[in-house]
Amino acid sequence: MITMSLKVPEVLERRLARLAESRGASRSEVIREALERFLNEASAHPDSCLALASDLIGCVEGPADLSHNKKLLEGFGK
Protein backbone atom coordinates (compact mmCIF):
# COMPACT_ATOMS: atom_id res chain seq x y z
CA MET A 1 0.00 0.00 0.00
CA ILE A 2 1.07 3.56 -0.63
CA THR A 3 1.23 6.01 2.26
CA MET A 4 -0.41 9.39 1.73
CA SER A 5 -0.70 12.40 3.97
CA LEU A 6 -3.33 15.12 3.92
CA LYS A 7 -4.47 18.08 5.94
CA VAL A 8 -8.00 18.24 7.31
CA PRO A 9 -9.79 20.69 9.60
CA GLU A 10 -9.82 19.73 13.27
CA VAL A 11 -13.59 19.32 13.23
CA LEU A 12 -13.36 16.76 10.42
CA GLU A 13 -10.59 14.87 12.22
CA ARG A 14 -12.69 14.66 15.39
CA ARG A 15 -15.65 13.32 13.41
CA LEU A 16 -13.37 10.80 11.72
CA ALA A 17 -11.91 9.68 15.05
CA ARG A 18 -15.38 9.22 16.59
CA LEU A 19 -16.61 7.21 13.60
CA ALA A 20 -13.51 5.04 13.53
CA GLU A 21 -13.79 4.36 17.26
CA SER A 22 -17.50 3.51 17.02
CA ARG A 23 -16.74 1.02 14.24
CA GLY A 24 -13.69 -0.42 15.94
CA ALA A 25 -11.65 0.51 12.87
CA SER A 26 -8.64 2.68 12.22
CA ARG A 27 -8.95 6.16 10.80
CA SER A 28 -7.11 4.90 7.71
CA GLU A 29 -9.71 2.18 7.15
CA VAL A 30 -12.56 4.71 7.36
CA ILE A 31 -10.78 7.09 4.98
CA ARG A 32 -10.10 4.28 2.46
CA GLU A 33 -13.76 3.23 2.56
CA ALA A 34 -14.97 6.81 2.11
CA LEU A 35 -12.55 7.42 -0.76
CA GLU A 36 -13.58 4.19 -2.45
CA ARG A 37 -17.27 5.15 -2.21
CA PHE A 38 -16.60 8.65 -3.51
CA LEU A 39 -14.59 7.42 -6.49
CA ASN A 40 -17.16 4.75 -7.37
CA GLU A 41 -19.96 7.29 -7.21
CA ALA A 42 -18.03 9.89 -9.22
CA SER A 43 -17.22 7.42 -11.99
CA ALA A 44 -20.86 6.30 -12.18
CA HIS A 45 -21.97 9.78 -13.26
CA PRO A 46 -21.29 10.80 -16.87
CA ASP A 47 -19.41 14.04 -17.36
CA SER A 48 -21.38 15.60 -20.20
CA CYS A 49 -24.91 16.15 -21.45
CA LEU A 50 -24.03 14.03 -24.48
CA ALA A 51 -23.04 11.16 -22.19
CA LEU A 52 -26.26 11.57 -20.19
CA ALA A 53 -28.39 11.45 -23.36
CA SER A 54 -26.36 8.79 -25.20
CA ASP A 55 -29.08 6.16 -24.81
CA LEU A 56 -31.59 8.54 -26.46
CA ILE A 57 -29.55 9.34 -29.56
CA GLY A 58 -31.23 7.86 -32.62
CA CYS A 59 -34.29 6.56 -30.76
CA VAL A 60 -36.76 8.91 -32.49
CA GLU A 61 -37.87 8.56 -36.09
CA GLY A 62 -38.92 11.47 -38.23
CA PRO A 63 -37.85 13.64 -41.13
CA ALA A 64 -34.06 14.07 -41.26
CA ASP A 65 -34.35 17.72 -42.26
CA LEU A 66 -36.86 18.79 -39.58
CA SER A 67 -34.58 21.42 -38.06
CA HIS A 68 -34.12 23.42 -41.27
CA ASN A 69 -36.99 22.55 -43.62
CA LYS A 70 -39.43 25.47 -43.27
CA LYS A 71 -42.28 23.51 -44.89
CA LEU A 72 -42.18 21.02 -42.02
CA LEU A 73 -42.31 23.85 -39.46
CA GLU A 74 -45.46 25.55 -40.83
CA GLY A 75 -47.99 25.98 -38.04
CA PHE A 76 -45.57 24.90 -35.35
CA GLY A 77 -46.27 26.60 -32.02
CA LYS A 78 -49.72 27.91 -32.96
PDB file of N, CA and C in Angstrom:
ATOM      1  N   MET A   1       0.842  -1.176   0.000  1.00  0.00           N
ATOM      2  CA  MET A   1       0.000   0.000   0.000  1.00  0.00           C
ATOM      3  C   MET A   1       0.883   1.233   0.000  1.00  0.00           C
ATOM      4  N   ILE A   2       0.370   2.291  -0.587  1.00  0.00           N
ATOM      5  CA  ILE A   2       1.070   3.556  -0.632  1.00  0.00           C
ATOM      6  C   ILE A   2       0.621   4.415   0.547  1.00  0.00           C
ATOM      7  N   THR A   3       1.551   5.110   1.158  1.00  0.00           N
ATOM      8  CA  THR A   3       1.228   6.011   2.258  1.00  0.00           C
ATOM      9  C   THR A   3       1.003   7.407   1.700  1.00  0.00           C
ATOM     10  N   MET A   4      -0.083   8.028   2.145  1.00  0.00           N
ATOM     11  CA  MET A   4      -0.412   9.392   1.731  1.00  0.00           C
ATOM     12  C   MET A   4      -0.589  10.229   2.989  1.00  0.00           C
ATOM     13  N   SER A   5      -0.396  11.509   2.851  1.00  0.00           N
ATOM     14  CA  SER A   5      -0.701  12.404   3.966  1.00  0.00           C
ATOM     15  C   SER A   5      -1.592  13.521   3.441  1.00  0.00           C
ATOM     16  N   LEU A   6      -2.450  14.039   4.306  1.00  0.00           N
ATOM     17  CA  LEU A   6      -3.330  15.124   3.917  1.00  0.00           C
ATOM     18  C   LEU A   6      -3.654  15.965   5.135  1.00  0.00           C
ATOM     19  N   LYS A   7      -4.077  17.170   4.868  1.00  0.00           N
ATOM     20  CA  LYS A   7      -4.469  18.084   5.935  1.00  0.00           C
ATOM     21  C   LYS A   7      -5.983  18.187   5.964  1.00  0.00           C
ATOM     22  N   VAL A   8      -6.549  18.107   7.147  1.00  0.00           N
ATOM     23  CA  VAL A   8      -8.003  18.236   7.313  1.00  0.00           C
ATOM     24  C   VAL A   8      -8.275  19.182   8.477  1.00  0.00           C
ATOM     25  N   PRO A   9      -9.424  19.834   8.457  1.00  0.00           N
ATOM     26  CA  PRO A   9      -9.791  20.686   9.596  1.00  0.00           C
ATOM     27  C   PRO A   9      -9.966  19.836  10.862  1.00  0.00           C
ATOM     28  N   GLU A  10      -9.717  20.452  12.000  1.00  0.00           N
ATOM     29  CA  GLU A  10      -9.819  19.727  13.273  1.00  0.00           C
ATOM     30  C   GLU A  10     -11.193  19.106  13.471  1.00  0.00           C
ATOM     31  N   VAL A  11     -12.223  19.827  13.068  1.00  0.00           N
ATOM     32  CA  VAL A  11     -13.594  19.318  13.229  1.00  0.00           C
ATOM     33  C   VAL A  11     -13.767  18.010  12.458  1.00  0.00           C
ATOM     34  N   LEU A  12     -13.249  17.963  11.244  1.00  0.00           N
ATOM     35  CA  LEU A  12     -13.356  16.757  10.423  1.00  0.00           C
ATOM     36  C   LEU A  12     -12.564  15.608  11.039  1.00  0.00           C
ATOM     37  N   GLU A  13     -11.401  15.913  11.588  1.00  0.00           N
ATOM     38  CA  GLU A  13     -10.591  14.868  12.225  1.00  0.00           C
ATOM     39  C   GLU A  13     -11.298  14.302  13.441  1.00  0.00           C
ATOM     40  N   ARG A  14     -11.958  15.158  14.218  1.00  0.00           N
ATOM     41  CA  ARG A  14     -12.686  14.658  15.392  1.00  0.00           C
ATOM     42  C   ARG A  14     -13.837  13.755  14.969  1.00  0.00           C
ATOM     43  N   ARG A  15     -14.545  14.162  13.905  1.00  0.00           N
ATOM     44  CA  ARG A  15     -15.651  13.321  13.407  1.00  0.00           C
ATOM     45  C   ARG A  15     -15.118  11.980  12.923  1.00  0.00           C
ATOM     46  N   LEU A  16     -14.002  12.027  12.220  1.00  0.00           N
ATOM     47  CA  LEU A  16     -13.370  10.802  11.720  1.00  0.00           C
ATOM     48  C   LEU A  16     -12.967   9.899  12.877  1.00  0.00           C
ATOM     49  N   ALA A  17     -12.347  10.470  13.887  1.00  0.00           N
ATOM     50  CA  ALA A  17     -11.907   9.682  15.051  1.00  0.00           C
ATOM     51  C   ALA A  17     -13.088   9.028  15.757  1.00  0.00           C
ATOM     52  N   ARG A  18     -14.180   9.787  15.927  1.00  0.00           N
ATOM     53  CA  ARG A  18     -15.382   9.222  16.586  1.00  0.00           C
ATOM     54  C   ARG A  18     -15.962   8.074  15.774  1.00  0.00           C
ATOM     55  N   LEU A  19     -16.052   8.260  14.458  1.00  0.00           N
ATOM     56  CA  LEU A  19     -16.607   7.211  13.600  1.00  0.00           C
ATOM     57  C   LEU A  19     -15.731   5.972  13.628  1.00  0.00           C
ATOM     58  N   ALA A  20     -14.439   6.170  13.511  1.00  0.00           N
ATOM     59  CA  ALA A  20     -13.514   5.035  13.526  1.00  0.00           C
ATOM     60  C   ALA A  20     -13.622   4.276  14.842  1.00  0.00           C
ATOM     61  N   GLU A  21     -13.681   5.000  15.955  1.00  0.00           N
ATOM     62  CA  GLU A  21     -13.794   4.357  17.259  1.00  0.00           C
ATOM     63  C   GLU A  21     -15.102   3.589  17.391  1.00  0.00           C
ATOM     64  N   SER A  22     -16.197   4.183  16.908  1.00  0.00           N
ATOM     65  CA  SER A  22     -17.499   3.508  17.022  1.00  0.00           C
ATOM     66  C   SER A  22     -17.546   2.243  16.168  1.00  0.00           C
ATOM     67  N   ARG A  23     -16.789   2.210  15.100  1.00  0.00           N
ATOM     68  CA  ARG A  23     -16.744   1.021  14.244  1.00  0.00           C
ATOM     69  C   ARG A  23     -15.669   0.031  14.664  1.00  0.00           C
ATOM     70  N   GLY A  24     -14.805   0.436  15.553  1.00  0.00           N
ATOM     71  CA  GLY A  24     -13.688  -0.425  15.938  1.00  0.00           C
ATOM     72  C   GLY A  24     -12.693  -0.552  14.793  1.00  0.00           C
ATOM     73  N   ALA A  25     -12.543   0.503  14.035  1.00  0.00           N
ATOM     74  CA  ALA A  25     -11.650   0.507  12.874  1.00  0.00           C
ATOM     75  C   ALA A  25     -10.637   1.632  13.027  1.00  0.00           C
ATOM     76  N   SER A  26      -9.617   1.588  12.206  1.00  0.00           N
ATOM     77  CA  SER A  26      -8.639   2.675  12.222  1.00  0.00           C
ATOM     78  C   SER A  26      -9.160   3.837  11.383  1.00  0.00           C
ATOM     79  N   ARG A  27      -8.576   5.010  11.614  1.00  0.00           N
ATOM     80  CA  ARG A  27      -8.955   6.160  10.799  1.00  0.00           C
ATOM     81  C   ARG A  27      -8.618   5.891   9.335  1.00  0.00           C
ATOM     82  N   SER A  28      -7.504   5.218   9.085  1.00  0.00           N
ATOM     83  CA  SER A  28      -7.106   4.900   7.709  1.00  0.00           C
ATOM     84  C   SER A  28      -8.144   4.030   7.011  1.00  0.00           C
ATOM     85  N   GLU A  29      -8.689   3.053   7.746  1.00  0.00           N
ATOM     86  CA  GLU A  29      -9.712   2.183   7.152  1.00  0.00           C
ATOM     87  C   GLU A  29     -10.957   2.981   6.760  1.00  0.00           C
ATOM     88  N   VAL A  30     -11.377   3.889   7.632  1.00  0.00           N
ATOM     89  CA  VAL A  30     -12.563   4.707   7.361  1.00  0.00           C
ATOM     90  C   VAL A  30     -12.305   5.619   6.165  1.00  0.00           C
ATOM     91  N   ILE A  31     -11.123   6.213   6.099  1.00  0.00           N
ATOM     92  CA  ILE A  31     -10.781   7.090   4.981  1.00  0.00           C
ATOM     93  C   ILE A  31     -10.744   6.307   3.680  1.00  0.00           C
ATOM     94  N   ARG A  32     -10.145   5.104   3.680  1.00  0.00           N
ATOM     95  CA  ARG A  32     -10.105   4.282   2.461  1.00  0.00           C
ATOM     96  C   ARG A  32     -11.506   3.941   1.984  1.00  0.00           C
ATOM     97  N   GLU A  33     -12.381   3.565   2.923  1.00  0.00           N
ATOM     98  CA  GLU A  33     -13.762   3.227   2.565  1.00  0.00           C
ATOM     99  C   GLU A  33     -14.485   4.439   1.978  1.00  0.00           C
ATOM    100  N   ALA A  34     -14.312   5.598   2.598  1.00  0.00           N
ATOM    101  CA  ALA A  34     -14.973   6.815   2.112  1.00  0.00           C
ATOM    102  C   ALA A  34     -14.449   7.202   0.734  1.00  0.00           C
ATOM    103  N   LEU A  35     -13.140   7.094   0.531  1.00  0.00           N
ATOM    104  CA  LEU A  35     -12.548   7.425  -0.757  1.00  0.00           C
ATOM    105  C   LEU A  35     -13.018   6.462  -1.840  1.00  0.00           C
ATOM    106  N   GLU A  36     -13.097   5.200  -1.505  1.00  0.00           N
ATOM    107  CA  GLU A  36     -13.585   4.192  -2.451  1.00  0.00           C
ATOM    108  C   GLU A  36     -15.020   4.499  -2.873  1.00  0.00           C
ATOM    109  N   ARG A  37     -15.871   4.803  -1.907  1.00  0.00           N
ATOM    110  CA  ARG A  37     -17.273   5.147  -2.211  1.00  0.00           C
ATOM    111  C   ARG A  37     -17.358   6.385  -3.093  1.00  0.00           C
ATOM    112  N   PHE A  38     -16.591   7.407  -2.740  1.00  0.00           N
ATOM    113  CA  PHE A  38     -16.603   8.649  -3.505  1.00  0.00           C
ATOM    114  C   PHE A  38     -16.171   8.409  -4.942  1.00  0.00           C
ATOM    115  N   LEU A  39     -15.095   7.677  -5.140  1.00  0.00           N
ATOM    116  CA  LEU A  39     -14.592   7.423  -6.490  1.00  0.00           C
ATOM    117  C   LEU A  39     -15.554   6.560  -7.300  1.00  0.00           C
ATOM    118  N   ASN A  40     -16.169   5.585  -6.674  1.00  0.00           N
ATOM    119  CA  ASN A  40     -17.155   4.751  -7.374  1.00  0.00           C
ATOM    120  C   ASN A  40     -18.357   5.580  -7.799  1.00  0.00           C
ATOM    121  N   GLU A  41     -18.807   6.436  -6.910  1.00  0.00           N
ATOM    122  CA  GLU A  41     -19.961   7.292  -7.211  1.00  0.00           C
ATOM    123  C   GLU A  41     -19.620   8.301  -8.306  1.00  0.00           C
ATOM    124  N   ALA A  42     -18.442   8.886  -8.233  1.00  0.00           N
ATOM    125  CA  ALA A  42     -18.032   9.889  -9.217  1.00  0.00           C
ATOM    126  C   ALA A  42     -17.890   9.274 -10.606  1.00  0.00           C
ATOM    127  N   SER A  43     -17.404   8.047 -10.683  1.00  0.00           N
ATOM    128  CA  SER A  43     -17.222   7.418 -11.991  1.00  0.00           C
ATOM    129  C   SER A  43     -18.537   6.903 -12.558  1.00  0.00           C
ATOM    130  N   ALA A  44     -19.557   6.775 -11.709  1.00  0.00           N
ATOM    131  CA  ALA A  44     -20.855   6.296 -12.181  1.00  0.00           C
ATOM    132  C   ALA A  44     -21.649   7.395 -12.873  1.00  0.00           C
ATOM    133  N   HIS A  45     -21.255   8.655 -12.679  1.00  0.00           N
ATOM    134  CA  HIS A  45     -21.970   9.784 -13.265  1.00  0.00           C
ATOM    135  C   HIS A  45     -21.244  10.280 -14.507  1.00  0.00           C
ATOM    136  N   PRO A  46     -21.918  10.284 -15.656  1.00  0.00           N
ATOM    137  CA  PRO A  46     -21.293  10.801 -16.875  1.00  0.00           C
ATOM    138  C   PRO A  46     -20.916  12.275 -16.727  1.00  0.00           C
ATOM    139  N   ASP A  47     -19.925  12.680 -17.487  1.00  0.00           N
ATOM    140  CA  ASP A  47     -19.411  14.039 -17.357  1.00  0.00           C
ATOM    141  C   ASP A  47     -20.110  15.061 -18.247  1.00  0.00           C
ATOM    142  N   SER A  48     -20.826  14.634 -19.259  1.00  0.00           N
ATOM    143  CA  SER A  48     -21.375  15.596 -20.204  1.00  0.00           C
ATOM    144  C   SER A  48     -22.854  15.321 -20.469  1.00  0.00           C
ATOM    145  N   CYS A  49     -23.509  16.323 -21.060  1.00  0.00           N
ATOM    146  CA  CYS A  49     -24.913  16.150 -21.453  1.00  0.00           C
ATOM    147  C   CYS A  49     -25.018  15.077 -22.531  1.00  0.00           C
ATOM    148  N   LEU A  50     -24.042  15.043 -23.435  1.00  0.00           N
ATOM    149  CA  LEU A  50     -24.028  14.032 -24.480  1.00  0.00           C
ATOM    150  C   LEU A  50     -23.972  12.632 -23.868  1.00  0.00           C
ATOM    151  N   ALA A  51     -23.129  12.457 -22.858  1.00  0.00           N
ATOM    152  CA  ALA A  51     -23.037  11.161 -22.190  1.00  0.00           C
ATOM    153  C   ALA A  51     -24.346  10.810 -21.492  1.00  0.00           C
ATOM    154  N   LEU A  52     -24.981  11.812 -20.875  1.00  0.00           N
ATOM    155  CA  LEU A  52     -26.256  11.568 -20.190  1.00  0.00           C
ATOM    156  C   LEU A  52     -27.358  11.158 -21.162  1.00  0.00           C
ATOM    157  N   ALA A  53     -27.338  11.707 -22.378  1.00  0.00           N
ATOM    158  CA  ALA A  53     -28.390  11.449 -23.363  1.00  0.00           C
ATOM    159  C   ALA A  53     -27.984  10.388 -24.382  1.00  0.00           C
ATOM    160  N   SER A  54     -26.862   9.731 -24.188  1.00  0.00           N
ATOM    161  CA  SER A  54     -26.357   8.793 -25.197  1.00  0.00           C
ATOM    162  C   SER A  54     -27.340   7.665 -25.516  1.00  0.00           C
ATOM    163  N   ASP A  55     -28.118   7.228 -24.546  1.00  0.00           N
ATOM    164  CA  ASP A  55     -29.083   6.158 -24.807  1.00  0.00           C
ATOM    165  C   ASP A  55     -30.290   6.659 -25.607  1.00  0.00           C
ATOM    166  N   LEU A  56     -30.464   7.975 -25.726  1.00  0.00           N
ATOM    167  CA  LEU A  56     -31.592   8.540 -26.461  1.00  0.00           C
ATOM    168  C   LEU A  56     -31.255   8.879 -27.913  1.00  0.00           C
ATOM    169  N   ILE A  57     -29.972   8.955 -28.221  1.00  0.00           N
ATOM    170  CA  ILE A  57     -29.550   9.342 -29.564  1.00  0.00           C
ATOM    171  C   ILE A  57     -30.009   8.293 -30.569  1.00  0.00           C
ATOM    172  N   GLY A  58     -30.745   8.748 -31.564  1.00  0.00           N
ATOM    173  CA  GLY A  58     -31.226   7.860 -32.620  1.00  0.00           C
ATOM    174  C   GLY A  58     -32.471   7.071 -32.286  1.00  0.00           C
ATOM    175  N   CYS A  59     -33.125   7.356 -31.156  1.00  0.00           N
ATOM    176  CA  CYS A  59     -34.291   6.564 -30.764  1.00  0.00           C
ATOM    177  C   CYS A  59     -35.598   7.117 -31.331  1.00  0.00           C
ATOM    178  N   VAL A  60     -35.559   8.282 -31.953  1.00  0.00           N
ATOM    179  CA  VAL A  60     -36.761   8.912 -32.489  1.00  0.00           C
ATOM    180  C   VAL A  60     -36.696   8.903 -34.013  1.00  0.00           C
ATOM    181  N   GLU A  61     -37.812   8.551 -34.624  1.00  0.00           N
ATOM    182  CA  GLU A  61     -37.866   8.562 -36.086  1.00  0.00           C
ATOM    183  C   GLU A  61     -38.642   9.788 -36.548  1.00  0.00           C
ATOM    184  N   GLY A  62     -38.255  10.309 -37.678  1.00  0.00           N
ATOM    185  CA  GLY A  62     -38.923  11.471 -38.229  1.00  0.00           C
ATOM    186  C   GLY A  62     -38.118  11.995 -39.398  1.00  0.00           C
ATOM    187  N   PRO A  63     -38.564  13.083 -39.990  1.00  0.00           N
ATOM    188  CA  PRO A  63     -37.847  13.637 -41.134  1.00  0.00           C
ATOM    189  C   PRO A  63     -36.436  14.072 -40.726  1.00  0.00           C
ATOM    190  N   ALA A  64     -35.457  13.745 -41.554  1.00  0.00           N
ATOM    191  CA  ALA A  64     -34.064  14.067 -41.255  1.00  0.00           C
ATOM    192  C   ALA A  64     -33.797  15.566 -41.316  1.00  0.00           C
ATOM    193  N   ASP A  65     -34.610  16.301 -42.085  1.00  0.00           N
ATOM    194  CA  ASP A  65     -34.349  17.722 -42.255  1.00  0.00           C
ATOM    195  C   ASP A  65     -35.316  18.594 -41.453  1.00  0.00           C
ATOM    196  N   LEU A  66     -35.854  18.080 -40.378  1.00  0.00           N
ATOM    197  CA  LEU A  66     -36.860  18.788 -39.585  1.00  0.00           C
ATOM    198  C   LEU A  66     -36.341  20.120 -39.050  1.00  0.00           C
ATOM    199  N   SER A  67     -35.089  20.201 -38.692  1.00  0.00           N
ATOM    200  CA  SER A  67     -34.580  21.419 -38.060  1.00  0.00           C
ATOM    201  C   SER A  67     -34.408  22.578 -39.028  1.00  0.00           C
ATOM    202  N   HIS A  68     -34.352  22.321 -40.329  1.00  0.00           N
ATOM    203  CA  HIS A  68     -34.122  23.422 -41.270  1.00  0.00           C
ATOM    204  C   HIS A  68     -35.081  23.468 -42.461  1.00  0.00           C
ATOM    205  N   ASN A  69     -36.022  22.554 -42.534  1.00  0.00           N
ATOM    206  CA  ASN A  69     -36.995  22.551 -43.620  1.00  0.00           C
ATOM    207  C   ASN A  69     -38.214  23.361 -43.168  1.00  0.00           C
ATOM    208  N   LYS A  70     -38.359  24.571 -43.713  1.00  0.00           N
ATOM    209  CA  LYS A  70     -39.434  25.474 -43.272  1.00  0.00           C
ATOM    210  C   LYS A  70     -40.821  24.919 -43.559  1.00  0.00           C
ATOM    211  N   LYS A  71     -40.968  24.095 -44.585  1.00  0.00           N
ATOM    212  CA  LYS A  71     -42.280  23.506 -44.889  1.00  0.00           C
ATOM    213  C   LYS A  71     -42.753  22.620 -43.732  1.00  0.00           C
ATOM    214  N   LEU A  72     -41.823  21.916 -43.116  1.00  0.00           N
ATOM    215  CA  LEU A  72     -42.182  21.020 -42.015  1.00  0.00           C
ATOM    216  C   LEU A  72     -42.511  21.792 -40.732  1.00  0.00           C
ATOM    217  N   LEU A  73     -42.095  23.040 -40.666  1.00  0.00           N
ATOM    218  CA  LEU A  73     -42.308  23.853 -39.459  1.00  0.00           C
ATOM    219  C   LEU A  73     -43.542  24.748 -39.557  1.00  0.00           C
ATOM    220  N   GLU A  74     -44.268  24.707 -40.680  1.00  0.00           N
ATOM    221  CA  GLU A  74     -45.460  25.550 -40.834  1.00  0.00           C
ATOM    222  C   GLU A  74     -46.491  25.199 -39.761  1.00  0.00           C
ATOM    223  N   GLY A  75     -46.967  26.189 -39.067  1.00  0.00           N
ATOM    224  CA  GLY A  75     -47.990  25.976 -38.037  1.00  0.00           C
ATOM    225  C   GLY A  75     -47.442  25.534 -36.704  1.00  0.00           C
ATOM    226  N   PHE A  76     -46.163  25.346 -36.607  1.00  0.00           N
ATOM    227  CA  PHE A  76     -45.569  24.902 -35.354  1.00  0.00           C
ATOM    228  C   PHE A  76     -45.691  25.994 -34.289  1.00  0.00           C
ATOM    229  N   GLY A  77     -46.163  25.653 -33.121  1.00  0.00           N
ATOM    230  CA  GLY A  77     -46.271  26.597 -32.025  1.00  0.00           C
ATOM    231  C   GLY A  77     -47.545  27.421 -32.012  1.00  0.00           C
ATOM    232  N   LYS A  78     -48.469  27.133 -32.907  1.00  0.00           N
ATOM    233  CA  LYS A  78     -49.716  27.911 -32.959  1.00  0.00           C
ATOM    234  C   LYS A  78     -50.828  27.166 -32.276  1.00  0.00           C
TER     235      LYS A  78
END
